[in-house]
Each structure stands twice: as structure tokens, then as C-alpha cells.
Amino acid sequence: MKFYIGTDHAGIELKDWTVELLRSKGYEVEDFGPYTKDRVDYPDYAHKVATAVLEDKESQGILICGSGIGMSMAANRHAGIRAALCHDAYTAMVAREHNDANILCFGERIVGKGVAESIIDAWLANGFEGGRHIQRVEKIEAV
């Protein structure tokens, strides 16, 4: 699986750590930046990652900012993107199993590396359950 990842200036350190974590687990990662702490606008990176995930249907995305809220809001403006703001392993598991989420969002000011790793591990360990959830995801996509 390939991951596309982006952040804003408030998530640089956790983004760089996440890139290395995913690579150490054997995943391919394309880092859309930014690469410095100079102020940037999070929607620019959310749109880059969302577009890449839509073009590469087998991929997943990760977006990080200070809180994760702005990134999830911006990414979810794209039809076909189901970006989930997760603060713990349980929300990451449910986002994958019930909502077929394709972009994981979290905030560097909210979660530390240990929690981020547990979120990522839960995301990676779970897939879409289908079944009763298919109709619900279809309703999301129909809007």
C-alpha cells in the first residue's frame, strides 16, 4: 500500500516521524511536504493529498496539522474522500471498519508519537467490513 502524506507548519515534526515509521513498516510513502516550519496554508496540502488518493484508488492518505480539524474539513470537500479525524486507536479502527475512510487525520498538538503510532497501527490492522456499512458509505458518497 502507498501512503500520500502532507501537513502544514504545525505538523512538520510528527509528519517527518510518521513518514519514517511507515517506511520502517515497509510502506511506500510520498511526502507532499512542506519541509520547513515556514507558515503555509493547510488546505493546499489537504487538496494535494486528497487528489493523489482519488487518482490512486489503492492508496491511503495521512494529513497532519496542529489539531487535524482543518485538514479533515478541507480533504472532505473532495467527492470520494472520507477523511477521518482520529485521536486514538479506537476511532482509527472504526473509521476504517465502518466508514471505509481513506485519509487519516490527526493533530501534532493533540497526539504524541506514542498515540500516533497506536492510531496508525489500528488504521493499518483494519479494513472496511462492508455489510451493513456499505449502504451508509454509499449515502455519504451520494451527497
Protein backbone atom coordinates (compact mmCIF):
# COMPACT_ATOMS: atom_id res chain seq x y z
CA MET A 1 0.00 0.00 0.00
CA LYS A 2 1.13 3.51 -0.77
CA PHE A 3 0.58 6.50 1.51
CA TYR A 4 0.41 10.14 0.47
CA ILE A 5 1.16 12.48 3.36
CA GLY A 6 1.03 16.21 3.94
CA THR A 7 0.95 18.72 6.74
CA ASP A 8 1.18 22.38 7.45
CA HIS A 9 3.82 24.18 9.52
CA ALA A 10 2.19 22.98 12.76
CA GLY A 11 2.67 19.30 11.99
CA ILE A 12 6.16 19.09 10.47
CA GLU A 13 7.83 17.10 13.24
CA LEU A 14 5.07 14.49 13.51
CA LYS A 15 4.81 14.26 9.71
CA ASP A 16 8.53 13.55 9.35
CA TRP A 17 8.34 10.95 12.14
CA THR A 18 5.26 9.35 10.54
CA VAL A 19 6.99 9.09 7.15
CA GLU A 20 9.89 7.22 8.75
CA LEU A 21 7.55 5.00 10.77
CA LEU A 22 5.58 3.96 7.69
CA ARG A 23 8.75 3.33 5.68
CA SER A 24 10.17 1.21 8.51
CA LYS A 25 7.00 -0.90 8.29
CA GLY A 26 7.61 -1.43 4.57
CA TYR A 27 5.12 1.05 3.13
CA GLU A 28 5.79 3.35 0.21
CA VAL A 29 5.29 7.00 1.18
CA GLU A 30 5.09 10.09 -0.99
CA ASP A 31 5.70 13.17 1.15
CA PHE A 32 3.99 16.29 -0.23
CA GLY A 33 5.62 18.50 2.39
CA PRO A 34 6.12 21.09 3.49
CA TYR A 35 9.71 20.54 4.54
CA THR A 36 10.29 23.60 6.73
CA LYS A 37 8.38 25.29 9.54
CA ASP A 38 7.66 28.36 7.41
CA ARG A 39 3.96 29.25 7.63
CA VAL A 40 1.81 27.61 4.93
CA ASP A 41 -1.92 27.10 4.39
CA TYR A 42 -3.21 23.62 5.32
CA PRO A 43 -5.88 23.48 2.55
CA ASP A 44 -3.13 23.47 -0.08
CA TYR A 45 -1.69 20.24 1.32
CA ALA A 46 -5.07 18.67 2.05
CA HIS A 47 -6.04 19.17 -1.58
CA LYS A 48 -2.76 17.68 -2.86
CA VAL A 49 -3.16 14.55 -0.74
CA ALA A 50 -6.88 14.17 -1.49
CA THR A 51 -6.27 14.48 -5.23
CA ALA A 52 -3.49 11.87 -5.10
CA VAL A 53 -5.66 9.42 -3.13
CA LEU A 54 -8.51 9.86 -5.61
CA GLU A 55 -6.18 9.19 -8.54
CA ASP A 56 -4.57 6.15 -6.86
CA LYS A 57 -7.54 4.15 -5.53
CA GLU A 58 -5.33 1.57 -3.78
CA SER A 59 -3.60 4.24 -1.70
CA GLN A 60 -4.32 5.92 1.62
CA GLY A 61 -3.60 9.43 2.82
CA ILE A 62 -2.41 10.97 6.06
CA LEU A 63 -2.89 14.63 6.88
CA ILE A 64 -1.47 16.32 9.96
CA CYS A 65 -1.85 19.85 11.24
CA GLY A 66 -1.99 21.36 14.70
CA SER A 67 -5.37 19.84 15.55
CA GLY A 68 -6.25 17.77 12.48
CA ILE A 69 -9.56 19.60 12.18
CA GLY A 70 -8.73 21.93 9.31
CA MET A 71 -7.09 19.16 7.30
CA SER A 72 -10.08 16.85 7.68
CA MET A 73 -12.51 19.61 6.72
CA ALA A 74 -10.52 20.56 3.62
CA ALA A 75 -9.96 16.97 2.46
CA ASN A 76 -13.62 16.09 2.88
CA ARG A 77 -14.55 18.74 0.33
CA HIS A 78 -13.44 16.23 -2.33
CA ALA A 79 -16.10 13.78 -3.52
CA GLY A 80 -14.85 10.27 -2.81
CA ILE A 81 -12.68 11.25 0.13
CA ARG A 82 -13.63 10.06 3.57
CA ALA A 83 -11.09 11.76 5.82
CA ALA A 84 -11.33 10.77 9.47
CA LEU A 85 -10.01 12.85 12.34
CA CYS A 86 -8.72 10.30 14.85
CA HIS A 87 -7.41 10.91 18.34
CA ASP A 88 -6.95 7.30 19.43
CA ALA A 89 -6.72 3.73 18.14
CA TYR A 90 -10.44 3.08 18.58
CA THR A 91 -11.51 5.97 16.34
CA ALA A 92 -8.98 4.87 13.71
CA MET A 93 -10.30 1.29 13.80
CA VAL A 94 -13.93 2.38 13.47
CA ALA A 95 -13.09 4.86 10.71
CA ARG A 96 -11.63 2.04 8.62
CA GLU A 97 -14.13 -0.70 9.53
CA HIS A 98 -17.39 1.27 9.40
CA ASN A 99 -16.68 4.29 7.22
CA ASP A 100 -14.12 2.97 4.72
CA ALA A 101 -12.05 6.06 5.48
CA ASN A 102 -9.24 6.66 3.01
CA ILE A 103 -7.45 9.57 4.69
CA LEU A 104 -6.31 9.57 8.30
CA CYS A 105 -6.07 12.96 10.02
CA PHE A 106 -4.60 13.85 13.39
CA GLY A 107 -3.03 16.82 15.14
CA GLU A 108 0.53 17.23 16.35
CA ARG A 109 -0.69 19.45 19.18
CA ILE A 110 -3.20 16.76 20.24
CA VAL A 111 -1.38 13.42 19.95
CA GLY A 112 2.20 12.47 20.71
CA LYS A 113 4.30 9.93 18.87
CA GLY A 114 3.16 7.00 21.00
CA VAL A 115 -0.51 7.73 20.43
CA ALA A 116 0.13 8.48 16.76
CA GLU A 117 1.77 5.07 16.38
CA SER A 118 -1.19 3.32 18.01
CA ILE A 119 -3.55 5.23 15.69
CA ILE A 120 -1.53 4.25 12.62
CA ASP A 121 -1.27 0.62 13.75
CA ALA A 122 -5.05 0.43 14.23
CA TRP A 123 -5.57 2.05 10.82
CA LEU A 124 -3.25 -0.48 9.18
CA ALA A 125 -4.71 -3.50 11.00
CA ASN A 126 -8.28 -2.86 9.93
CA GLY A 127 -10.17 -2.70 6.68
CA PHE A 128 -13.70 -1.96 5.59
CA GLU A 129 -16.18 -4.50 6.97
CA GLY A 130 -18.73 -3.93 4.23
CA GLY A 131 -22.11 -5.45 5.05
CA ARG A 132 -24.50 -3.01 6.70
CA HIS A 133 -21.90 -0.25 6.35
CA ILE A 134 -21.94 -0.28 2.53
CA GLN A 135 -25.32 1.44 2.34
CA ARG A 136 -24.18 4.13 4.76
CA VAL A 137 -20.99 4.86 2.85
CA GLU A 138 -22.99 5.00 -0.38
CA LYS A 139 -25.27 7.60 1.22
CA ILE A 140 -22.22 9.69 2.14
CA GLU A 141 -20.99 9.49 -1.44
CA ALA A 142 -24.42 10.35 -2.89
CA VAL A 143 -24.47 13.82 -1.31
